[in-house]
């Protein structure tokens, strides 16, 4: 039971670190194309990998 709780705490910390890194990258980016990519990464880190539907036309 303790091991499972430790895994949960570790996973939460990793997710928080990924969110902070994605946010910082988005805020610091000035190139519009790279900012779009960073914004998509930020949205995925908040809502999950399947949160943005890919445009099949692109």
PDB file of N, CA and C in Angstrom:
ATOM      1  N   UNK A   1       0.827  -1.191   0.000  1.00  0.00           N
ATOM      2  CA  UNK A   1       0.000   0.000   0.000  1.00  0.00           C
ATOM      3  C   UNK A   1       0.873   1.258   0.000  1.00  0.00           C
ATOM      4  N   UNK A   2       1.939   1.250   0.760  1.00  0.00           N
ATOM      5  CA  UNK A   2       2.837   2.400   0.837  1.00  0.00           C
ATOM      6  C   UNK A   2       3.531   2.616  -0.498  1.00  0.00           C
ATOM      7  N   UNK A   3       3.907   1.522  -1.145  1.00  0.00           N
ATOM      8  CA  UNK A   3       4.577   1.609  -2.447  1.00  0.00           C
ATOM      9  C   UNK A   3       3.647   2.261  -3.463  1.00  0.00           C
ATOM     10  N   UNK A   4       2.393   1.896  -3.439  1.00  0.00           N
ATOM     11  CA  UNK A   4       1.411   2.487  -4.355  1.00  0.00           C
ATOM     12  C   UNK A   4       1.253   3.983  -4.095  1.00  0.00           C
ATOM     13  N   UNK A   5       1.230   4.378  -2.851  1.00  0.00           N
ATOM     14  CA  UNK A   5       1.127   5.797  -2.511  1.00  0.00           C
ATOM     15  C   UNK A   5       2.365   6.552  -2.968  1.00  0.00           C
ATOM     16  N   UNK A   6       3.536   5.939  -2.804  1.00  0.00           N
ATOM     17  CA  UNK A   6       4.783   6.570  -3.257  1.00  0.00           C
ATOM     18  C   UNK A   6       4.777   6.772  -4.772  1.00  0.00           C
ATOM     19  N   UNK A   7       4.270   5.782  -5.502  1.00  0.00           N
ATOM     20  CA  UNK A   7       4.177   5.902  -6.964  1.00  0.00           C
ATOM     21  C   UNK A   7       3.246   7.044  -7.347  1.00  0.00           C
ATOM     22  N   UNK A   8       2.148   7.180  -6.632  1.00  0.00           N
ATOM     23  CA  UNK A   8       1.206   8.263  -6.906  1.00  0.00           C
ATOM     24  C   UNK A   8       1.811   9.631  -6.649  1.00  0.00           C
ATOM     25  N   UNK A   9       2.529   9.749  -5.557  1.00  0.00           N
ATOM     26  CA  UNK A   9       3.182  11.020  -5.223  1.00  0.00           C
ATOM     27  C   UNK A   9       4.239  11.346  -6.266  1.00  0.00           C
ATOM     28  N   UNK A  10       5.006  10.340  -6.673  1.00  0.00           N
ATOM     29  CA  UNK A  10       6.046  10.540  -7.686  1.00  0.00           C
ATOM     30  C   UNK A  10       5.433  10.946  -9.025  1.00  0.00           C
ATOM     31  N   UNK A  11       4.354  10.290  -9.419  1.00  0.00           N
ATOM     32  CA  UNK A  11       3.692  10.613 -10.691  1.00  0.00           C
ATOM     33  C   UNK A  11       3.124  12.031 -10.659  1.00  0.00           C
ATOM     34  N   UNK A  12       2.571  12.422  -9.533  1.00  0.00           N
ATOM     35  CA  UNK A  12       2.031  13.777  -9.407  1.00  0.00           C
ATOM     36  C   UNK A  12       3.141  14.824  -9.501  1.00  0.00           C
ATOM     37  N   UNK A  13       4.267  14.552  -8.881  1.00  0.00           N
ATOM     38  CA  UNK A  13       5.399  15.480  -8.932  1.00  0.00           C
ATOM     39  C   UNK A  13       5.948  15.599 -10.350  1.00  0.00           C
ATOM     40  N   UNK A  14       6.030  14.472 -11.054  1.00  0.00           N
ATOM     41  CA  UNK A  14       6.501  14.498 -12.440  1.00  0.00           C
ATOM     42  C   UNK A  14       5.548  15.276 -13.338  1.00  0.00           C
ATOM     43  N   UNK A  15       4.246  15.087 -13.148  1.00  0.00           N
ATOM     44  CA  UNK A  15       3.255  15.814 -13.942  1.00  0.00           C
ATOM     45  C   UNK A  15       3.332  17.314 -13.667  1.00  0.00           C
ATOM     46  N   UNK A  16       3.539  17.675 -12.416  1.00  0.00           N
ATOM     47  CA  UNK A  16       3.643  19.091 -12.052  1.00  0.00           C
ATOM     48  C   UNK A  16       4.894  19.713 -12.671  1.00  0.00           C
ATOM     49  N   UNK A  17       5.997  18.969 -12.667  1.00  0.00           N
ATOM     50  CA  UNK A  17       7.238  19.465 -13.268  1.00  0.00           C
ATOM     51  C   UNK A  17       7.086  19.628 -14.780  1.00  0.00           C
ATOM     52  N   UNK A  18       6.402  18.686 -15.417  1.00  0.00           N
ATOM     53  CA  UNK A  18       6.172  18.774 -16.863  1.00  0.00           C
ATOM     54  C   UNK A  18       5.286  19.970 -17.197  1.00  0.00           C
ATOM     55  N   UNK A  19       4.259  20.191 -16.395  1.00  0.00           N
ATOM     56  CA  UNK A  19       3.374  21.337 -16.600  1.00  0.00           C
ATOM     57  C   UNK A  19       4.138  22.650 -16.454  1.00  0.00           C
ATOM     58  N   UNK A  20       4.967  22.747 -15.430  1.00  0.00           N
ATOM     59  CA  UNK A  20       5.740  23.972 -15.205  1.00  0.00           C
ATOM     60  C   UNK A  20       6.709  24.214 -16.363  1.00  0.00           C
ATOM     61  N   UNK A  21       7.369  23.158 -16.852  1.00  0.00           N
ATOM     62  CA  UNK A  21       8.303  23.296 -17.970  1.00  0.00           C
ATOM     63  C   UNK A  21       7.571  23.712 -19.244  1.00  0.00           C
ATOM     64  N   UNK A  22       6.416  23.121 -19.492  1.00  0.00           N
ATOM     65  CA  UNK A  22       5.631  23.467 -20.678  1.00  0.00           C
ATOM     66  C   UNK A  22       5.160  24.915 -20.621  1.00  0.00           C
ATOM     67  N   UNK A  23       4.711  25.343 -19.459  1.00  0.00           N
ATOM     68  CA  UNK A  23       4.254  26.719 -19.281  1.00  0.00           C
ATOM     69  C   UNK A  23       5.399  27.709 -19.508  1.00  0.00           C
ATOM     70  N   UNK A  24       6.546  27.420 -18.913  1.00  0.00           N
ATOM     71  CA  UNK A  24       7.704  28.306 -19.059  1.00  0.00           C
ATOM     72  C   UNK A  24       8.134  28.395 -20.516  1.00  0.00           C
ATOM     73  N   UNK A  25       8.153  27.265 -21.196  1.00  0.00           N
ATOM     74  CA  UNK A  25       8.532  27.249 -22.613  1.00  0.00           C
ATOM     75  C   UNK A  25       7.556  28.092 -23.438  1.00  0.00           C
ATOM     76  N   UNK A  26       6.260  27.967 -23.150  1.00  0.00           N
ATOM     77  CA  UNK A  26       5.244  28.725 -23.875  1.00  0.00           C
ATOM     78  C   UNK A  26       5.403  30.227 -23.629  1.00  0.00           C
ATOM     79  N   UNK A  27       5.581  30.618 -22.388  1.00  0.00           N
ATOM     80  CA  UNK A  27       5.700  32.036 -22.038  1.00  0.00           C
ATOM     81  C   UNK A  27       6.968  32.643 -22.627  1.00  0.00           C
ATOM     82  N   UNK A  28       8.063  31.913 -22.598  1.00  0.00           N
ATOM     83  CA  UNK A  28       9.351  32.445 -23.051  1.00  0.00           C
ATOM     84  C   UNK A  28       9.510  32.467 -24.569  1.00  0.00           C
ATOM     85  N   UNK A  29       8.685  31.720 -25.284  1.00  0.00           N
ATOM     86  CA  UNK A  29       8.836  31.616 -26.742  1.00  0.00           C
ATOM     87  C   UNK A  29       8.329  32.878 -27.433  1.00  0.00           C
ATOM     88  N   UNK A  30       9.100  33.368 -28.412  1.00  0.00           N
ATOM     89  CA  UNK A  30       8.682  34.564 -29.147  1.00  0.00           C
ATOM     90  C   UNK A  30       8.378  34.262 -30.613  1.00  0.00           C
ATOM     91  N   UNK A  31       8.930  33.201 -31.144  1.00  0.00           N
ATOM     92  CA  UNK A  31       8.663  32.796 -32.522  1.00  0.00           C
ATOM     93  C   UNK A  31       7.233  32.251 -32.600  1.00  0.00           C
ATOM     94  N   UNK A  32       6.376  32.810 -33.477  1.00  0.00           N
ATOM     95  CA  UNK A  32       4.970  32.382 -33.534  1.00  0.00           C
ATOM     96  C   UNK A  32       4.776  30.893 -33.833  1.00  0.00           C
ATOM     97  N   UNK A  33       5.589  30.336 -34.710  1.00  0.00           N
ATOM     98  CA  UNK A  33       5.440  28.907 -35.041  1.00  0.00           C
ATOM     99  C   UNK A  33       5.830  28.050 -33.843  1.00  0.00           C
ATOM    100  N   UNK A  34       6.938  28.392 -33.218  1.00  0.00           N
ATOM    101  CA  UNK A  34       7.387  27.645 -32.041  1.00  0.00           C
ATOM    102  C   UNK A  34       6.435  27.864 -30.863  1.00  0.00           C
ATOM    103  N   UNK A  35       5.842  29.057 -30.756  1.00  0.00           N
ATOM    104  CA  UNK A  35       4.887  29.331 -29.674  1.00  0.00           C
ATOM    105  C   UNK A  35       3.630  28.480 -29.855  1.00  0.00           C
ATOM    106  N   UNK A  36       3.209  28.281 -31.108  1.00  0.00           N
ATOM    107  CA  UNK A  36       2.061  27.415 -31.386  1.00  0.00           C
ATOM    108  C   UNK A  36       2.362  25.986 -30.924  1.00  0.00           C
ATOM    109  N   UNK A  37       3.537  25.501 -31.243  1.00  0.00           N
ATOM    110  CA  UNK A  37       3.943  24.157 -30.837  1.00  0.00           C
ATOM    111  C   UNK A  37       4.016  24.064 -29.310  1.00  0.00           C
ATOM    112  N   UNK A  38       4.599  25.076 -28.679  1.00  0.00           N
ATOM    113  CA  UNK A  38       4.694  25.097 -27.221  1.00  0.00           C
ATOM    114  C   UNK A  38       3.305  25.175 -26.586  1.00  0.00           C
ATOM    115  N   UNK A  39       2.393  25.910 -27.214  1.00  0.00           N
ATOM    116  CA  UNK A  39       1.024  25.996 -26.711  1.00  0.00           C
ATOM    117  C   UNK A  39       0.302  24.668 -26.785  1.00  0.00           C
ATOM    118  N   UNK A  40       0.521  23.947 -27.857  1.00  0.00           N
ATOM    119  CA  UNK A  40      -0.089  22.616 -27.979  1.00  0.00           C
ATOM    120  C   UNK A  40       0.469  21.667 -26.924  1.00  0.00           C
ATOM    121  N   UNK A  41       1.771  21.770 -26.681  1.00  0.00           N
ATOM    122  CA  UNK A  41       2.407  20.942 -25.653  1.00  0.00           C
ATOM    123  C   UNK A  41       1.838  21.282 -24.277  1.00  0.00           C
ATOM    124  N   UNK A  42       1.622  22.573 -24.025  1.00  0.00           N
ATOM    125  CA  UNK A  42       1.044  23.005 -22.750  1.00  0.00           C
ATOM    126  C   UNK A  42      -0.374  22.458 -22.582  1.00  0.00           C
ATOM    127  N   UNK A  43      -1.172  22.546 -23.630  1.00  0.00           N
ATOM    128  CA  UNK A  43      -2.542  22.021 -23.561  1.00  0.00           C
ATOM    129  C   UNK A  43      -2.533  20.523 -23.299  1.00  0.00           C
ATOM    130  N   UNK A  44      -1.631  19.804 -23.965  1.00  0.00           N
ATOM    131  CA  UNK A  44      -1.530  18.354 -23.738  1.00  0.00           C
ATOM    132  C   UNK A  44      -1.089  18.037 -22.316  1.00  0.00           C
ATOM    133  N   UNK A  45      -0.206  18.858 -21.751  1.00  0.00           N
ATOM    134  CA  UNK A  45       0.235  18.582 -20.387  1.00  0.00           C
ATOM    135  C   UNK A  45      -0.872  18.865 -19.375  1.00  0.00           C
ATOM    136  N   UNK A  46      -1.797  19.744 -19.718  1.00  0.00           N
ATOM    137  CA  UNK A  46      -2.922  20.034 -18.824  1.00  0.00           C
ATOM    138  C   UNK A  46      -4.037  19.002 -18.976  1.00  0.00           C
ATOM    139  N   UNK A  47      -4.427  18.737 -20.228  1.00  0.00           N
ATOM    140  CA  UNK A  47      -5.624  17.924 -20.482  1.00  0.00           C
ATOM    141  C   UNK A  47      -5.346  16.506 -20.962  1.00  0.00           C
ATOM    142  N   UNK A  48      -4.100  16.178 -21.266  1.00  0.00           N
ATOM    143  CA  UNK A  48      -3.767  14.834 -21.733  1.00  0.00           C
ATOM    144  C   UNK A  48      -3.403  14.816 -23.200  1.00  0.00           C
ATOM    145  N   UNK A  49      -2.801  13.720 -23.632  1.00  0.00           N
ATOM    146  CA  UNK A  49      -2.270  13.621 -24.998  1.00  0.00           C
ATOM    147  C   UNK A  49      -3.338  13.675 -26.084  1.00  0.00           C
ATOM    148  N   UNK A  50      -4.539  13.231 -25.801  1.00  0.00           N
ATOM    149  CA  UNK A  50      -5.590  13.200 -26.816  1.00  0.00           C
ATOM    150  C   UNK A  50      -6.482  14.441 -26.784  1.00  0.00           C
ATOM    151  N   UNK A  51      -6.022  15.512 -26.139  1.00  0.00           N
ATOM    152  CA  UNK A  51      -6.870  16.692 -25.971  1.00  0.00           C
ATOM    153  C   UNK A  51      -6.972  17.563 -27.220  1.00  0.00           C
ATOM    154  N   UNK A  52      -6.030  17.427 -28.142  1.00  0.00           N
ATOM    155  CA  UNK A  52      -6.065  18.229 -29.362  1.00  0.00           C
ATOM    156  C   UNK A  52      -6.262  17.293 -30.555  1.00  0.00           C
ATOM    157  N   UNK A  53      -7.349  17.509 -31.261  1.00  0.00           N
ATOM    158  CA  UNK A  53      -7.595  16.726 -32.472  1.00  0.00           C
ATOM    159  C   UNK A  53      -6.692  17.262 -33.582  1.00  0.00           C
ATOM    160  N   UNK A  54      -6.021  16.369 -34.235  1.00  0.00           N
ATOM    161  CA  UNK A  54      -5.142  16.776 -35.332  1.00  0.00           C
ATOM    162  C   UNK A  54      -5.982  17.086 -36.570  1.00  0.00           C
ATOM    163  N   UNK A  55      -5.580  18.097 -37.294  1.00  0.00           N
ATOM    164  CA  UNK A  55      -6.265  18.509 -38.514  1.00  0.00           C
ATOM    165  C   UNK A  55      -5.754  17.652 -39.669  1.00  0.00           C
ATOM    166  N   UNK A  56      -6.595  16.806 -40.280  1.00  0.00           N
ATOM    167  CA  UNK A  56      -6.138  15.921 -41.340  1.00  0.00           C
ATOM    168  C   UNK A  56      -5.790  16.677 -42.633  1.00  0.00           C
ATOM    169  N   UNK A  57      -6.190  17.943 -42.744  1.00  0.00           N
ATOM    170  CA  UNK A  57      -5.942  18.724 -43.948  1.00  0.00           C
ATOM    171  C   UNK A  57      -4.490  19.227 -43.970  1.00  0.00           C
ATOM    172  N   UNK A  58      -3.931  19.487 -42.809  1.00  0.00           N
ATOM    173  CA  UNK A  58      -2.575  20.015 -42.708  1.00  0.00           C
ATOM    174  C   UNK A  58      -1.575  19.080 -43.227  1.00  0.00           C
TER     175      UNK A  58
END
